[in-house]
Amino acid sequence: MSTVSAREWVSRITETLISAASLPVFLLLDILDVIMCLIFRLLDRFLEGTNSSCYCHSDITQPPHSETELSESLHGRKNIVREMLRLLKFPVFLTKNGTAPASRANRWSDCGCESCLSWMNHTQTHSNLHLLLKQPQRDANVSENVIFIHGFLSSSSLWKETVFLNLSENSRRNYRLFAVDLLGFGRSPKPEDCLYTLRDHVEMIERSVIVPFELDSFHLVAHSMGCVIALALAAKHSASVKSITLVAPSQPYFSASSGDATGQALKRIAARRVWPPLLFFSAFMSWYEHLGRCVCFLLCRNHRLWEWILMLVTRRRDLHFLMTDVTRHTHHSAWHTMHNVVCGGARFLDGYLEVLRAAGARILVVQGRKDEVVPVECSLNLKVKDPEIELQIIPNLDHSSVILGRAEEFTRDLERFWAS
């Protein structure tokens, strides 16, 4: 009894200290983000001939519930300093900007290396997604198809280095596998005139995989952020989907009756707290548009330098794909995908699940008990929404190790689910 009380006392003290420390830290970040907004506007005007396009103004009507629109979280992020300056009629915050540059050209703050710009060499607008294709070892006309969708700051390498390497002989003979780099990530196009909405991501997968390969049936496997894209794709092609495997879905599920799903999602996955570190980093990159751009300028624009340093330190010629994938994006693509897909996608989950339930789609949700990104309770809520969903909660694993820590076992589980 006394032990339990002592733990509760320590927990309350810890929570109080974290909350007390969070207030001044995020007030400082509010100030710094406003300063960087002004600096980037000046730099963009000087280097590109136009002001930055940002979301610092908030006097914009909320978008309707459509995958083509922007997430409310882009305009609903409160900044105390910015609001005070607006009340004082500080000129820079009275100017309305567009939401995306008109040009497809690379920005001065993005990397301009050959790898990052290779997609611009294609004459087709925005070209197609980078695709890893693993053909079956028999007639492709009688094979089954599986589309793999990665998560945020990742790429198709996740599936190449895990599932593709551990396929059974039967799967190698019978399944045709497609792993895409999502729009704005990895080696796929990263256009500046795109807002990376949920519909943009779905349509690019259709255009790069479903249409050219004439897929009339397929399985879907997705990790983290890719789960809401997989559900959107599955709901649109409900008659063609044979199964859907969602691994560590990063979109918190809220029922339609719970109100502002987008706002709740932002607070759940990016609460403004200094601890734990992963939550602090999520809040930093999700709430602060211009500080996030600074991080991308330092890391993504100079990814070749950082990779060279890592290779020098580790004495390895080939870096682990997790190290290289995290910088293979632009701030524009990551920022909009975070808000329009991860946060904004929460409001569509209810509708997608209803469509798939009516279609009798088979859904498997796999999550680690120690997932630090989205609590296990969110997956349990999915099960409440649709009791037919198969739920697999694995102890002692987190958001990444649920795949990386058990690649062979995970692949066997996938094969059994496909076959069933």
Protein backbone atom coordinates (compact mmCIF):
# COMPACT_ATOMS: atom_id res chain seq x y z
CA MET A 1 0.00 0.00 0.00
CA SER A 2 2.73 2.44 1.01
CA THR A 3 4.78 1.44 -2.05
CA VAL A 4 1.91 2.24 -4.41
CA SER A 5 1.33 5.58 -2.70
CA ALA A 6 5.02 6.43 -2.95
CA ARG A 7 5.00 5.67 -6.68
CA GLU A 8 1.96 7.84 -7.20
CA TRP A 9 3.63 10.64 -5.25
CA VAL A 10 6.79 10.39 -7.36
CA SER A 11 4.70 10.30 -10.54
CA ARG A 12 2.83 13.45 -9.58
CA ILE A 13 6.02 15.29 -8.66
CA THR A 14 7.61 14.25 -11.97
CA GLU A 15 4.57 15.35 -13.96
CA THR A 16 4.57 18.73 -12.19
CA LEU A 17 8.26 19.27 -12.92
CA ILE A 18 7.83 18.35 -16.60
CA SER A 19 4.88 20.73 -16.95
CA ALA A 20 6.76 23.52 -15.18
CA ALA A 21 9.81 23.05 -17.41
CA SER A 22 7.70 22.87 -20.57
CA LEU A 23 6.16 26.33 -20.19
CA PRO A 24 9.35 28.45 -20.46
CA VAL A 25 10.93 26.14 -23.05
CA PHE A 26 8.01 26.39 -25.46
CA LEU A 27 7.62 30.13 -24.82
CA LEU A 28 11.24 30.50 -25.95
CA LEU A 29 10.51 28.37 -29.01
CA ASP A 30 7.50 30.59 -29.78
CA ILE A 31 9.82 33.59 -29.81
CA LEU A 32 12.48 31.89 -31.91
CA ASP A 33 9.94 30.69 -34.49
CA VAL A 34 8.67 34.25 -34.99
CA ILE A 35 12.25 35.49 -35.40
CA MET A 36 13.03 32.77 -37.94
CA CYS A 37 9.84 33.59 -39.83
CA LEU A 38 11.15 37.11 -40.39
CA ILE A 39 14.65 35.88 -41.28
CA PHE A 40 13.39 33.33 -43.82
CA ARG A 41 11.14 35.94 -45.41
CA LEU A 42 14.13 38.23 -45.92
CA LEU A 43 16.36 35.43 -47.20
CA ASP A 44 13.70 34.09 -49.57
CA ARG A 45 13.07 37.59 -50.91
CA PHE A 46 16.79 38.13 -51.46
CA LEU A 47 17.63 34.68 -52.88
CA GLU A 48 14.41 33.77 -54.69
CA GLY A 49 12.77 37.12 -55.36
CA THR A 50 9.66 36.25 -53.34
CA ASN A 51 8.59 36.07 -49.70
CA SER A 52 8.24 32.78 -47.86
CA SER A 53 4.93 30.99 -48.10
CA CYS A 54 4.02 30.03 -44.53
CA TYR A 55 1.10 29.48 -42.19
CA CYS A 56 1.79 32.18 -39.61
CA HIS A 57 -1.49 33.95 -40.39
CA SER A 58 -4.52 32.25 -38.84
CA ASP A 59 -7.48 34.17 -40.30
CA ILE A 60 -8.37 31.38 -42.73
CA THR A 61 -11.65 29.48 -42.73
CA GLN A 62 -11.42 25.84 -41.71
CA PRO A 63 -11.38 23.48 -44.70
CA PRO A 64 -14.24 21.08 -45.36
CA HIS A 65 -13.83 17.34 -44.76
CA SER A 66 -12.12 16.55 -48.04
CA GLU A 67 -8.82 14.81 -48.69
CA THR A 68 -7.98 17.57 -51.17
CA GLU A 69 -7.95 20.27 -48.48
CA LEU A 70 -5.41 21.29 -45.90
CA SER A 71 -5.38 20.12 -42.31
CA GLU A 72 -6.80 22.46 -39.68
CA SER A 73 -3.60 21.91 -37.69
CA LEU A 74 -1.66 24.02 -40.19
CA HIS A 75 -3.56 27.10 -39.02
CA GLY A 76 -4.55 26.03 -35.52
CA ARG A 77 -1.11 26.04 -33.89
CA LYS A 78 -1.19 28.83 -31.35
CA ASN A 79 1.90 30.95 -30.84
CA ILE A 80 1.58 33.45 -27.98
CA VAL A 81 4.22 35.82 -29.35
CA ARG A 82 2.76 35.83 -32.85
CA GLU A 83 -0.73 36.50 -31.52
CA MET A 84 0.55 39.44 -29.46
CA LEU A 85 2.30 40.93 -32.50
CA ARG A 86 -0.85 40.50 -34.54
CA LEU A 87 -2.88 42.35 -31.91
CA LEU A 88 -0.31 45.14 -32.07
CA LYS A 89 -0.82 45.17 -35.86
CA PHE A 90 2.78 44.29 -36.60
CA PRO A 91 2.88 44.58 -40.44
CA VAL A 92 4.50 41.26 -41.32
CA PHE A 93 1.68 39.26 -39.72
CA LEU A 94 -1.02 41.12 -41.63
CA THR A 95 0.23 39.88 -44.98
CA LYS A 96 -1.53 36.84 -46.42
CA ASN A 97 0.65 34.42 -48.30
CA GLY A 98 -0.10 31.62 -50.68
CA THR A 99 0.17 28.07 -49.42
CA ALA A 100 2.65 26.73 -51.92
CA PRO A 101 5.28 28.17 -54.27
CA ALA A 102 4.26 28.25 -57.91
CA SER A 103 7.59 26.93 -59.11
CA ARG A 104 8.75 23.30 -59.11
CA ALA A 105 12.36 24.41 -58.78
CA ASN A 106 14.46 23.41 -55.80
CA ARG A 107 14.66 26.02 -53.04
CA TRP A 108 17.89 27.50 -51.75
CA SER A 109 17.39 25.82 -48.36
CA ASP A 110 16.99 22.33 -49.90
CA CYS A 111 19.68 19.95 -51.07
CA GLY A 112 20.64 20.30 -54.71
CA CYS A 113 22.63 17.08 -55.17
CA GLU A 114 22.05 14.82 -58.17
CA SER A 115 20.19 12.20 -56.14
CA CYS A 116 17.75 14.70 -54.65
CA LEU A 117 17.04 16.36 -58.01
CA SER A 118 17.05 13.31 -60.28
CA TRP A 119 13.24 13.29 -60.48
CA MET A 120 13.33 16.72 -62.17
CA ASN A 121 14.92 15.18 -65.25
CA HIS A 122 11.63 13.50 -66.15
CA THR A 123 9.43 15.33 -68.64
CA GLN A 124 6.25 13.93 -67.06
CA THR A 125 4.86 16.34 -64.46
CA HIS A 126 5.98 15.23 -60.97
CA SER A 127 7.00 11.89 -62.66
CA ASN A 128 6.20 8.65 -60.80
CA LEU A 129 7.16 7.38 -57.38
CA HIS A 130 10.41 5.51 -56.93
CA LEU A 131 9.45 1.84 -56.85
CA LEU A 132 11.10 -1.38 -55.72
CA LEU A 133 9.57 -4.29 -57.59
CA LYS A 134 10.17 -7.92 -56.67
CA GLN A 135 8.74 -10.21 -59.34
CA PRO A 136 7.64 -13.77 -58.50
CA GLN A 137 9.66 -16.71 -59.74
CA ARG A 138 6.86 -17.90 -61.94
CA ASP A 139 4.32 -16.45 -64.42
CA ALA A 140 3.48 -12.96 -63.14
CA ASN A 141 -0.03 -13.23 -64.58
CA VAL A 142 -1.04 -15.68 -61.87
CA SER A 143 0.81 -14.05 -59.00
CA GLU A 144 -0.72 -12.18 -56.10
CA ASN A 145 0.23 -8.56 -55.51
CA VAL A 146 1.32 -6.79 -52.33
CA ILE A 147 1.82 -3.03 -52.01
CA PHE A 148 4.08 -1.84 -49.16
CA ILE A 149 3.81 1.71 -47.79
CA HIS A 150 6.44 3.10 -45.40
CA GLY A 151 6.06 5.65 -42.61
CA PHE A 152 7.24 9.20 -41.95
CA LEU A 153 10.93 9.96 -42.69
CA SER A 154 11.39 6.48 -44.11
CA SER A 155 11.48 4.81 -47.53
CA SER A 156 10.98 1.55 -49.39
CA SER A 157 14.30 0.39 -47.90
CA LEU A 158 12.38 -0.56 -44.75
CA TRP A 159 10.65 -3.37 -46.63
CA LYS A 160 13.62 -4.26 -48.80
CA GLU A 161 15.84 -4.86 -45.76
CA THR A 162 13.23 -6.77 -43.74
CA VAL A 163 10.38 -8.52 -45.55
CA PHE A 164 12.03 -8.87 -48.97
CA LEU A 165 15.04 -10.63 -47.42
CA ASN A 166 12.99 -13.08 -45.37
CA LEU A 167 10.36 -14.33 -47.81
CA SER A 168 9.65 -18.03 -47.85
CA GLU A 169 10.16 -20.02 -51.03
CA ASN A 170 6.41 -20.20 -51.58
CA SER A 171 6.07 -16.39 -51.40
CA ARG A 172 8.99 -15.91 -53.76
CA ARG A 173 7.15 -18.04 -56.30
CA ASN A 174 3.67 -16.61 -55.87
CA TYR A 175 3.78 -12.98 -54.80
CA ARG A 176 4.70 -9.85 -56.69
CA LEU A 177 5.84 -7.15 -54.25
CA PHE A 178 5.72 -3.37 -54.76
CA ALA A 179 7.44 -1.05 -52.26
CA VAL A 180 7.15 2.66 -52.97
CA ASP A 181 8.97 5.73 -51.75
CA LEU A 182 6.09 8.04 -50.87
CA LEU A 183 5.79 11.42 -52.59
CA GLY A 184 8.33 13.79 -51.04
CA PHE A 185 10.51 11.07 -49.47
CA GLY A 186 13.38 8.80 -50.38
CA ARG A 187 14.12 8.88 -54.11
CA SER A 188 10.61 9.95 -55.15
CA PRO A 189 9.70 13.40 -56.51
CA LYS A 190 9.60 16.28 -54.03
CA PRO A 191 7.72 19.03 -55.92
CA GLU A 192 7.39 22.45 -54.32
CA ASP A 193 4.01 23.12 -55.97
CA CYS A 194 2.36 20.21 -54.14
CA LEU A 195 0.67 20.36 -50.73
CA TYR A 196 1.11 16.63 -49.99
CA THR A 197 -2.50 16.01 -49.05
CA LEU A 198 -3.84 12.54 -48.41
CA ARG A 199 -5.31 12.51 -51.91
CA ASP A 200 -1.94 13.49 -53.43
CA HIS A 201 -0.28 10.45 -51.82
CA VAL A 202 -3.07 8.06 -52.80
CA GLU A 203 -3.20 9.26 -56.41
CA MET A 204 0.57 8.92 -56.80
CA ILE A 205 0.43 5.29 -55.63
CA GLU A 206 -2.40 4.64 -58.09
CA ARG A 207 -0.48 6.31 -60.88
CA SER A 208 2.81 4.57 -60.10
CA VAL A 209 1.59 1.06 -59.23
CA ILE A 210 -2.11 0.24 -59.62
CA VAL A 211 -2.70 1.76 -63.08
CA PRO A 212 0.53 0.85 -64.93
CA PHE A 213 0.56 -2.72 -63.59
CA GLU A 214 -3.21 -3.09 -64.02
CA LEU A 215 -3.76 -4.45 -60.52
CA ASP A 216 -7.27 -5.76 -60.00
CA SER A 217 -6.49 -7.32 -56.61
CA PHE A 218 -3.79 -6.68 -54.04
CA HIS A 219 -2.79 -6.89 -50.38
CA LEU A 220 -1.66 -3.78 -48.49
CA VAL A 221 1.04 -3.58 -45.82
CA ALA A 222 1.79 -0.24 -44.15
CA HIS A 223 3.83 1.10 -41.24
CA SER A 224 3.22 4.16 -39.05
CA MET A 225 2.07 7.17 -41.12
CA GLY A 226 1.60 4.88 -44.12
CA CYS A 227 -1.34 3.22 -42.37
CA VAL A 228 -3.79 6.07 -43.00
CA ILE A 229 -2.64 6.23 -46.64
CA ALA A 230 -3.23 2.47 -46.91
CA LEU A 231 -6.73 2.83 -45.45
CA ALA A 232 -7.53 5.68 -47.84
CA LEU A 233 -6.28 3.61 -50.79
CA ALA A 234 -8.15 0.52 -49.58
CA ALA A 235 -11.42 2.42 -49.10
CA LYS A 236 -11.14 3.77 -52.64
CA HIS A 237 -10.44 0.27 -54.04
CA SER A 238 -12.45 -1.76 -51.55
CA ALA A 239 -13.48 -4.31 -54.20
CA SER A 240 -9.83 -5.04 -55.04
CA VAL A 241 -8.23 -5.23 -51.61
CA LYS A 242 -7.64 -8.75 -50.31
CA SER A 243 -6.12 -7.82 -46.95
CA ILE A 244 -4.74 -4.82 -45.06
CA THR A 245 -1.93 -5.05 -42.51
CA LEU A 246 -1.41 -1.94 -40.39
CA VAL A 247 1.82 -1.94 -38.38
CA ALA A 248 2.14 0.58 -35.54
CA PRO A 249 -0.40 3.04 -37.00
CA SER A 250 0.64 6.57 -36.05
CA GLN A 251 -2.78 8.16 -36.52
CA PRO A 252 -4.67 8.17 -33.21
CA TYR A 253 -8.21 6.92 -33.84
CA PHE A 254 -11.10 9.04 -32.60
CA SER A 255 -14.72 8.25 -33.35
CA ALA A 256 -16.77 10.75 -35.34
CA SER A 257 -18.62 11.72 -32.16
CA SER A 258 -15.40 12.82 -30.41
CA GLY A 259 -15.30 16.20 -32.18
CA ASP A 260 -12.08 17.77 -33.47
CA ALA A 261 -10.10 14.67 -34.46
CA THR A 262 -7.35 16.72 -36.14
CA GLY A 263 -6.73 18.87 -33.07
CA GLN A 264 -6.78 15.84 -30.80
CA ALA A 265 -4.32 14.04 -33.08
CA LEU A 266 -1.86 16.94 -32.97
CA LYS A 267 -2.02 17.08 -29.18
CA ARG A 268 -1.70 13.31 -28.86
CA ILE A 269 1.30 12.75 -31.13
CA ALA A 270 2.99 16.13 -30.58
CA ALA A 271 2.05 17.34 -27.11
CA ARG A 272 4.15 20.36 -26.14
CA ARG A 273 6.21 18.69 -23.43
CA VAL A 274 9.96 18.53 -22.88
CA TRP A 275 9.86 14.86 -21.87
CA PRO A 276 10.09 12.20 -23.18
CA PRO A 277 12.62 13.26 -25.85
CA LEU A 278 10.73 11.71 -28.77
CA LEU A 279 7.59 13.64 -27.84
CA PHE A 280 9.60 16.86 -27.53
CA PHE A 281 11.11 16.34 -30.99
CA SER A 282 7.66 15.62 -32.46
CA ALA A 283 6.29 18.81 -30.89
CA PHE A 284 9.29 20.83 -32.09
CA MET A 285 8.90 19.70 -35.69
CA SER A 286 5.08 19.79 -35.74
CA TRP A 287 4.34 23.11 -34.04
CA TYR A 288 7.21 25.26 -35.32
CA GLU A 289 7.24 25.66 -39.07
CA HIS A 290 10.34 27.84 -39.30
CA LEU A 291 12.42 26.12 -36.63
CA GLY A 292 11.64 22.89 -38.45
CA ARG A 293 12.93 24.46 -41.63
CA CYS A 294 16.15 25.33 -39.79
CA VAL A 295 16.61 21.68 -38.83
CA CYS A 296 16.03 20.59 -42.42
CA PHE A 297 18.45 23.24 -43.64
CA LEU A 298 21.18 21.92 -41.33
CA LEU A 299 20.54 18.18 -41.73
CA CYS A 300 18.74 17.50 -45.03
CA ARG A 301 20.47 20.12 -47.17
CA ASN A 302 23.84 18.85 -45.97
CA HIS A 303 22.99 15.14 -45.83
CA ARG A 304 26.00 14.21 -47.98
CA LEU A 305 28.34 15.85 -45.44
CA TRP A 306 26.70 14.10 -42.49
CA GLU A 307 26.78 10.76 -44.31
CA TRP A 308 30.48 11.24 -45.05
CA ILE A 309 31.15 12.03 -41.38
CA LEU A 310 29.20 8.96 -40.25
CA MET A 311 31.05 6.73 -42.69
CA LEU A 312 34.34 8.16 -41.43
CA VAL A 313 33.40 7.59 -37.79
CA THR A 314 31.88 4.14 -38.24
CA ARG A 315 34.45 3.08 -40.89
CA ARG A 316 31.64 1.73 -43.04
CA ARG A 317 31.10 2.34 -46.73
CA ASP A 318 27.37 1.64 -46.54
CA LEU A 319 25.30 3.31 -43.84
CA HIS A 320 22.21 1.74 -42.34
CA PHE A 321 19.12 2.80 -44.27
CA LEU A 322 17.58 4.35 -41.14
CA MET A 323 20.43 6.88 -41.06
CA THR A 324 20.06 7.92 -44.68
CA ASP A 325 16.26 7.85 -44.99
CA VAL A 326 15.69 10.39 -42.24
CA THR A 327 17.22 13.23 -44.31
CA ARG A 328 15.88 12.32 -47.78
CA HIS A 329 13.06 14.86 -47.93
CA THR A 330 12.50 18.61 -48.09
CA HIS A 331 11.02 20.72 -45.33
CA HIS A 332 8.07 21.50 -47.60
CA SER A 333 7.26 17.82 -48.20
CA ALA A 334 7.76 16.73 -44.58
CA TRP A 335 5.88 19.67 -43.05
CA HIS A 336 2.80 19.28 -45.22
CA THR A 337 2.77 15.50 -45.00
CA MET A 338 2.99 15.65 -41.21
CA HIS A 339 -0.02 17.94 -40.98
CA ASN A 340 -2.15 16.89 -43.95
CA VAL A 341 -1.65 13.14 -43.49
CA VAL A 342 -0.59 12.32 -39.92
CA CYS A 343 -2.72 14.98 -38.19
CA GLY A 344 -5.38 15.71 -40.81
CA GLY A 345 -5.85 12.05 -41.68
CA ALA A 346 -7.34 11.34 -38.25
CA ARG A 347 -10.68 12.90 -39.25
CA PHE A 348 -11.11 10.44 -42.15
CA LEU A 349 -10.38 7.17 -40.33
CA ASP A 350 -13.96 6.67 -39.21
CA GLY A 351 -15.27 6.89 -42.78
CA TYR A 352 -12.58 4.61 -44.19
CA LEU A 353 -13.26 1.94 -41.58
CA GLU A 354 -16.99 2.06 -42.28
CA VAL A 355 -16.40 1.54 -46.01
CA LEU A 356 -14.01 -1.33 -45.41
CA ARG A 357 -16.24 -2.96 -42.84
CA ALA A 358 -19.16 -2.86 -45.28
CA ALA A 359 -16.91 -4.41 -47.95
CA GLY A 360 -15.84 -7.20 -45.60
CA ALA A 361 -12.15 -6.29 -45.87
CA ARG A 362 -9.77 -8.23 -43.65
CA ILE A 363 -7.65 -5.96 -41.45
CA LEU A 364 -4.75 -6.91 -39.17
CA VAL A 365 -3.32 -4.34 -36.74
CA VAL A 366 0.11 -5.05 -35.25
CA GLN A 367 1.57 -2.86 -32.51
CA GLY A 368 4.28 -3.07 -29.88
CA ARG A 369 3.19 -2.75 -26.27
CA LYS A 370 5.94 -0.15 -25.68
CA ASP A 371 5.07 2.01 -28.71
CA GLU A 372 6.20 5.52 -27.77
CA VAL A 373 4.55 7.27 -30.73
CA VAL A 374 0.89 6.33 -30.32
CA PRO A 375 -0.45 4.46 -27.27
CA VAL A 376 -1.79 0.94 -27.63
CA GLU A 377 -5.20 2.27 -26.59
CA CYS A 378 -5.62 3.79 -30.05
CA SER A 379 -5.35 0.37 -31.68
CA LEU A 380 -7.82 -0.97 -29.14
CA ASN A 381 -10.20 1.79 -30.23
CA LEU A 382 -9.97 0.49 -33.80
CA LYS A 383 -11.05 -2.91 -32.54
CA VAL A 384 -14.05 -1.29 -30.85
CA LYS A 385 -14.99 0.41 -34.12
CA ASP A 386 -14.75 -2.83 -36.07
CA PRO A 387 -14.76 -6.03 -33.98
CA GLU A 388 -13.69 -8.01 -37.06
CA ILE A 389 -10.25 -6.36 -37.01
CA GLU A 390 -7.53 -8.76 -35.92
CA LEU A 391 -5.34 -7.14 -33.26
CA GLN A 392 -1.84 -8.32 -32.37
CA ILE A 393 -0.18 -6.54 -29.44
CA ILE A 394 3.43 -7.66 -28.97
CA PRO A 395 5.09 -7.15 -25.57
CA ASN A 396 8.48 -5.45 -25.10
CA LEU A 397 8.52 -3.92 -28.61
CA ASP A 398 8.16 -0.30 -29.69
CA HIS A 399 7.23 1.64 -32.83
CA SER A 400 10.21 0.47 -34.90
CA SER A 401 11.29 -2.79 -33.30
CA VAL A 402 7.88 -4.29 -34.01
CA ILE A 403 9.36 -4.82 -37.51
CA LEU A 404 13.12 -4.31 -37.24
CA GLY A 405 13.47 -6.40 -34.10
CA ARG A 406 11.71 -9.43 -35.57
CA ALA A 407 11.93 -9.22 -39.35
CA GLU A 408 11.76 -12.96 -40.01
CA GLU A 409 8.91 -13.59 -37.59
CA PHE A 410 7.06 -10.55 -38.91
CA THR A 411 7.39 -11.85 -42.48
CA ARG A 412 6.03 -15.27 -41.48
CA ASP A 413 3.04 -13.56 -39.83
CA LEU A 414 2.39 -11.58 -43.03
CA GLU A 415 2.53 -14.70 -45.19
CA ARG A 416 0.07 -16.52 -42.95
CA PHE A 417 -2.32 -13.57 -43.07
CA TRP A 418 -2.09 -13.31 -46.87
CA ALA A 419 -2.68 -17.02 -47.29
CA SER A 420 -5.67 -17.08 -44.94
